[in-house]
Amino acid sequence: MSDTPPPVLPPVPTPAEARSGCLTALMVISGVILLLPGLCALLFGGASVVEGGKIDSDIAPLVFLGLVVGIGGVVLIWAAIKGRKSPAHPGTRP
């Protein structure tokens, strides 16, 4: 048997520590960009309802798609902001 000690591995970072500030900023900027189709969907869908009383069947799928993309932008911004909170210190109580 060998007398060499096992290799020392670096500590694994927790998910809160693993994300850098640059990635958070990139997530927020991407989320804001994804909000634009949602805003367009609200504008075109609202204009269609005001003019005709109901959303035209031609524009309805595009409005729905724009709203889904906009909701994705909100979720991305929420995940970026929520994930950046610093972890509690070991000696403190929540």
N, C-alpha and C. Protein backbone atom coordinates (compact mmCIF):
# COMPACT_ATOMS: atom_id res chain seq x y z
N MET A 1 0.83 -1.17 0.00
CA MET A 1 0.00 0.00 0.00
C MET A 1 0.88 1.24 0.00
N SER A 2 0.33 2.26 -0.52
CA SER A 2 1.06 3.51 -0.65
C SER A 2 0.80 4.39 0.56
N ASP A 3 1.82 5.19 0.91
CA ASP A 3 1.70 6.11 2.05
C ASP A 3 1.31 7.51 1.61
N THR A 4 0.94 7.70 0.38
CA THR A 4 0.57 9.05 -0.09
C THR A 4 -0.85 9.38 0.37
N PRO A 5 -1.05 10.62 0.81
CA PRO A 5 -2.41 11.02 1.27
C PRO A 5 -3.33 11.21 0.06
N PRO A 6 -4.61 11.11 0.27
CA PRO A 6 -5.55 11.33 -0.84
C PRO A 6 -5.50 12.78 -1.30
N PRO A 7 -5.82 13.05 -2.54
CA PRO A 7 -5.76 14.43 -3.03
C PRO A 7 -6.80 15.30 -2.33
N VAL A 8 -6.45 16.55 -2.12
CA VAL A 8 -7.34 17.51 -1.47
C VAL A 8 -8.14 18.21 -2.56
N LEU A 9 -9.45 18.10 -2.48
CA LEU A 9 -10.31 18.73 -3.47
C LEU A 9 -10.77 20.09 -2.96
N PRO A 10 -10.92 21.07 -3.86
CA PRO A 10 -11.41 22.39 -3.42
C PRO A 10 -12.88 22.27 -3.01
N PRO A 11 -13.33 23.14 -2.12
CA PRO A 11 -14.73 23.06 -1.68
C PRO A 11 -15.66 23.38 -2.85
N VAL A 12 -16.79 22.70 -2.88
CA VAL A 12 -17.77 22.91 -3.94
C VAL A 12 -18.59 24.15 -3.59
N PRO A 13 -18.66 25.14 -4.50
CA PRO A 13 -19.43 26.34 -4.17
C PRO A 13 -20.92 26.05 -4.17
N THR A 14 -21.64 26.73 -3.29
CA THR A 14 -23.09 26.59 -3.26
C THR A 14 -23.67 27.34 -4.45
N PRO A 15 -24.90 27.04 -4.85
CA PRO A 15 -25.49 27.72 -6.01
C PRO A 15 -25.54 29.24 -5.85
N ALA A 16 -25.73 29.73 -4.63
CA ALA A 16 -25.79 31.18 -4.43
C ALA A 16 -24.43 31.82 -4.67
N GLU A 17 -23.35 31.10 -4.37
CA GLU A 17 -22.02 31.64 -4.56
C GLU A 17 -21.50 31.43 -5.97
N ALA A 18 -22.08 30.49 -6.70
CA ALA A 18 -21.55 30.12 -8.00
C ALA A 18 -21.83 31.16 -9.07
N ARG A 19 -22.91 31.92 -8.97
CA ARG A 19 -23.26 32.89 -10.01
C ARG A 19 -22.52 34.20 -9.79
N SER A 20 -21.94 34.71 -10.84
CA SER A 20 -21.22 35.97 -10.75
C SER A 20 -22.16 37.13 -11.01
N GLY A 21 -21.70 38.32 -10.72
CA GLY A 21 -22.49 39.52 -10.97
C GLY A 21 -22.70 39.77 -12.45
N CYS A 22 -21.74 39.36 -13.26
CA CYS A 22 -21.86 39.54 -14.70
C CYS A 22 -22.98 38.68 -15.26
N LEU A 23 -23.11 37.46 -14.78
CA LEU A 23 -24.18 36.59 -15.25
C LEU A 23 -25.53 37.13 -14.82
N THR A 24 -25.61 37.68 -13.62
CA THR A 24 -26.86 38.26 -13.15
C THR A 24 -27.26 39.43 -14.04
N ALA A 25 -26.30 40.29 -14.37
CA ALA A 25 -26.60 41.43 -15.24
C ALA A 25 -27.04 40.96 -16.62
N LEU A 26 -26.40 39.92 -17.14
CA LEU A 26 -26.78 39.38 -18.44
C LEU A 26 -28.20 38.80 -18.40
N MET A 27 -28.55 38.15 -17.30
CA MET A 27 -29.90 37.61 -17.16
C MET A 27 -30.94 38.72 -17.10
N VAL A 28 -30.64 39.80 -16.38
CA VAL A 28 -31.59 40.91 -16.28
C VAL A 28 -31.75 41.60 -17.63
N ILE A 29 -30.65 41.83 -18.35
CA ILE A 29 -30.74 42.47 -19.66
C ILE A 29 -31.52 41.59 -20.63
N SER A 30 -31.27 40.29 -20.60
CA SER A 30 -32.03 39.37 -21.47
C SER A 30 -33.51 39.38 -21.10
N GLY A 31 -33.80 39.44 -19.82
CA GLY A 31 -35.20 39.49 -19.38
C GLY A 31 -35.90 40.74 -19.85
N VAL A 32 -35.20 41.88 -19.80
CA VAL A 32 -35.79 43.14 -20.27
C VAL A 32 -36.04 43.07 -21.78
N ILE A 33 -35.12 42.47 -22.51
CA ILE A 33 -35.31 42.31 -23.96
C ILE A 33 -36.52 41.42 -24.23
N LEU A 34 -36.70 40.37 -23.43
CA LEU A 34 -37.84 39.48 -23.62
C LEU A 34 -39.17 40.13 -23.21
N LEU A 35 -39.11 41.21 -22.44
CA LEU A 35 -40.34 41.92 -22.09
C LEU A 35 -40.93 42.68 -23.28
N LEU A 36 -40.10 43.03 -24.25
CA LEU A 36 -40.56 43.82 -25.39
C LEU A 36 -41.63 43.09 -26.22
N PRO A 37 -41.48 41.81 -26.57
CA PRO A 37 -42.58 41.14 -27.28
C PRO A 37 -43.87 41.09 -26.47
N GLY A 38 -43.76 40.98 -25.16
CA GLY A 38 -44.95 40.99 -24.32
C GLY A 38 -45.65 42.33 -24.36
N LEU A 39 -44.86 43.40 -24.38
CA LEU A 39 -45.43 44.74 -24.49
C LEU A 39 -46.12 44.92 -25.84
N CYS A 40 -45.49 44.46 -26.91
CA CYS A 40 -46.11 44.52 -28.24
C CYS A 40 -47.40 43.72 -28.27
N ALA A 41 -47.40 42.55 -27.64
CA ALA A 41 -48.61 41.73 -27.62
C ALA A 41 -49.74 42.45 -26.89
N LEU A 42 -49.41 43.11 -25.79
CA LEU A 42 -50.44 43.86 -25.08
C LEU A 42 -50.96 45.02 -25.92
N LEU A 43 -50.06 45.72 -26.61
CA LEU A 43 -50.49 46.86 -27.44
C LEU A 43 -51.35 46.40 -28.62
N PHE A 44 -50.89 45.41 -29.38
CA PHE A 44 -51.64 44.95 -30.55
C PHE A 44 -52.92 44.24 -30.14
N GLY A 45 -52.87 43.44 -29.09
CA GLY A 45 -54.08 42.78 -28.62
C GLY A 45 -55.10 43.78 -28.09
N GLY A 46 -54.62 44.77 -27.36
CA GLY A 46 -55.52 45.81 -26.86
C GLY A 46 -56.12 46.64 -27.98
N ALA A 47 -55.31 46.98 -28.98
CA ALA A 47 -55.81 47.74 -30.12
C ALA A 47 -56.83 46.93 -30.91
N SER A 48 -56.60 45.64 -31.03
CA SER A 48 -57.53 44.78 -31.76
C SER A 48 -58.87 44.67 -31.02
N VAL A 49 -58.82 44.60 -29.70
CA VAL A 49 -60.04 44.51 -28.92
C VAL A 49 -60.82 45.81 -28.98
N VAL A 50 -60.12 46.95 -28.93
CA VAL A 50 -60.78 48.24 -28.95
C VAL A 50 -61.44 48.48 -30.30
N GLU A 51 -60.77 48.12 -31.38
CA GLU A 51 -61.31 48.37 -32.72
C GLU A 51 -62.44 47.41 -33.08
N GLY A 52 -62.29 46.13 -32.82
CA GLY A 52 -63.27 45.15 -33.29
C GLY A 52 -64.13 44.55 -32.21
N GLY A 53 -63.84 44.80 -30.99
CA GLY A 53 -64.61 44.21 -29.90
C GLY A 53 -64.10 42.85 -29.45
N LYS A 54 -63.31 42.18 -30.28
CA LYS A 54 -62.69 40.91 -29.91
C LYS A 54 -61.39 40.78 -30.70
N ILE A 55 -60.53 39.90 -30.24
CA ILE A 55 -59.24 39.71 -30.91
C ILE A 55 -59.47 38.91 -32.19
N ASP A 56 -58.93 39.38 -33.30
CA ASP A 56 -59.06 38.66 -34.57
C ASP A 56 -58.38 37.32 -34.47
N SER A 57 -58.90 36.35 -35.19
CA SER A 57 -58.33 35.01 -35.14
C SER A 57 -56.96 34.96 -35.80
N ASP A 58 -56.66 35.95 -36.67
CA ASP A 58 -55.35 35.97 -37.32
C ASP A 58 -54.24 36.42 -36.37
N ILE A 59 -54.57 37.32 -35.46
CA ILE A 59 -53.53 37.89 -34.59
C ILE A 59 -53.48 37.20 -33.23
N ALA A 60 -54.48 36.42 -32.88
CA ALA A 60 -54.55 35.80 -31.55
C ALA A 60 -53.35 34.91 -31.24
N PRO A 61 -52.87 34.04 -32.15
CA PRO A 61 -51.70 33.24 -31.80
C PRO A 61 -50.44 34.08 -31.57
N LEU A 62 -50.31 35.16 -32.33
CA LEU A 62 -49.14 36.03 -32.13
C LEU A 62 -49.21 36.77 -30.80
N VAL A 63 -50.41 37.19 -30.43
CA VAL A 63 -50.58 37.84 -29.12
C VAL A 63 -50.26 36.86 -28.01
N PHE A 64 -50.74 35.64 -28.13
CA PHE A 64 -50.46 34.62 -27.12
C PHE A 64 -48.97 34.33 -27.03
N LEU A 65 -48.31 34.19 -28.18
CA LEU A 65 -46.87 33.93 -28.19
C LEU A 65 -46.10 35.08 -27.56
N GLY A 66 -46.48 36.30 -27.88
CA GLY A 66 -45.82 37.47 -27.29
C GLY A 66 -46.00 37.52 -25.79
N LEU A 67 -47.19 37.17 -25.31
CA LEU A 67 -47.42 37.16 -23.87
C LEU A 67 -46.59 36.08 -23.17
N VAL A 68 -46.46 34.93 -23.81
CA VAL A 68 -45.66 33.84 -23.22
C VAL A 68 -44.19 34.25 -23.14
N VAL A 69 -43.69 34.89 -24.21
CA VAL A 69 -42.29 35.34 -24.20
C VAL A 69 -42.10 36.42 -23.14
N GLY A 70 -43.07 37.32 -23.01
CA GLY A 70 -42.98 38.37 -21.98
C GLY A 70 -42.98 37.79 -20.58
N ILE A 71 -43.80 36.78 -20.35
CA ILE A 71 -43.82 36.11 -19.04
C ILE A 71 -42.48 35.43 -18.78
N GLY A 72 -41.88 34.87 -19.83
CA GLY A 72 -40.54 34.29 -19.69
C GLY A 72 -39.52 35.34 -19.28
N GLY A 73 -39.64 36.55 -19.80
CA GLY A 73 -38.75 37.64 -19.41
C GLY A 73 -38.91 38.01 -17.94
N VAL A 74 -40.16 38.04 -17.49
CA VAL A 74 -40.41 38.34 -16.07
C VAL A 74 -39.80 37.26 -15.18
N VAL A 75 -39.96 36.00 -15.57
CA VAL A 75 -39.39 34.89 -14.80
C VAL A 75 -37.87 34.95 -14.78
N LEU A 76 -37.27 35.32 -15.91
CA LEU A 76 -35.80 35.42 -15.97
C LEU A 76 -35.28 36.53 -15.07
N ILE A 77 -35.96 37.67 -15.07
CA ILE A 77 -35.55 38.78 -14.19
C ILE A 77 -35.74 38.37 -12.73
N TRP A 78 -36.85 37.71 -12.43
CA TRP A 78 -37.11 37.28 -11.06
C TRP A 78 -36.04 36.29 -10.59
N ALA A 79 -35.66 35.36 -11.46
CA ALA A 79 -34.64 34.37 -11.09
C ALA A 79 -33.28 35.03 -10.90
N ALA A 80 -32.98 36.04 -11.71
CA ALA A 80 -31.69 36.72 -11.58
C ALA A 80 -31.60 37.49 -10.26
N ILE A 81 -32.67 38.15 -9.90
CA ILE A 81 -32.65 38.96 -8.67
C ILE A 81 -32.74 38.07 -7.43
N LYS A 82 -33.59 37.05 -7.47
CA LYS A 82 -33.74 36.18 -6.31
C LYS A 82 -32.48 35.35 -6.07
N GLY A 83 -31.79 34.95 -7.11
CA GLY A 83 -30.61 34.12 -6.96
C GLY A 83 -29.39 34.86 -6.45
N ARG A 84 -29.40 36.18 -6.45
CA ARG A 84 -28.23 36.95 -6.04
C ARG A 84 -28.21 37.28 -4.57
N LYS A 85 -29.22 36.91 -3.80
CA LYS A 85 -29.21 37.22 -2.37
C LYS A 85 -28.08 36.47 -1.69
N SER A 86 -27.38 37.14 -0.81
CA SER A 86 -26.24 36.52 -0.15
C SER A 86 -26.72 35.48 0.85
N PRO A 87 -25.97 34.40 0.99
CA PRO A 87 -26.38 33.36 1.94
C PRO A 87 -26.21 33.85 3.37
N ALA A 88 -26.99 33.30 4.27
CA ALA A 88 -26.90 33.66 5.69
C ALA A 88 -25.57 33.16 6.25
N HIS A 89 -25.05 33.91 7.17
CA HIS A 89 -23.79 33.50 7.80
C HIS A 89 -24.06 32.32 8.71
N PRO A 90 -23.09 31.43 8.86
CA PRO A 90 -23.32 30.21 9.64
C PRO A 90 -23.75 30.45 11.07
N GLY A 91 -23.31 31.53 11.71
CA GLY A 91 -23.62 31.76 13.11
C GLY A 91 -24.90 32.50 13.35
N THR A 92 -25.61 32.94 12.31
CA THR A 92 -26.82 33.74 12.50
C THR A 92 -28.06 32.89 12.31
N ARG A 93 -29.14 33.35 12.90
CA ARG A 93 -30.42 32.68 12.73
C ARG A 93 -31.23 33.43 11.69
N PRO A 94 -32.07 32.74 10.92
CA PRO A 94 -32.90 33.43 9.91
C PRO A 94 -34.02 34.22 10.50
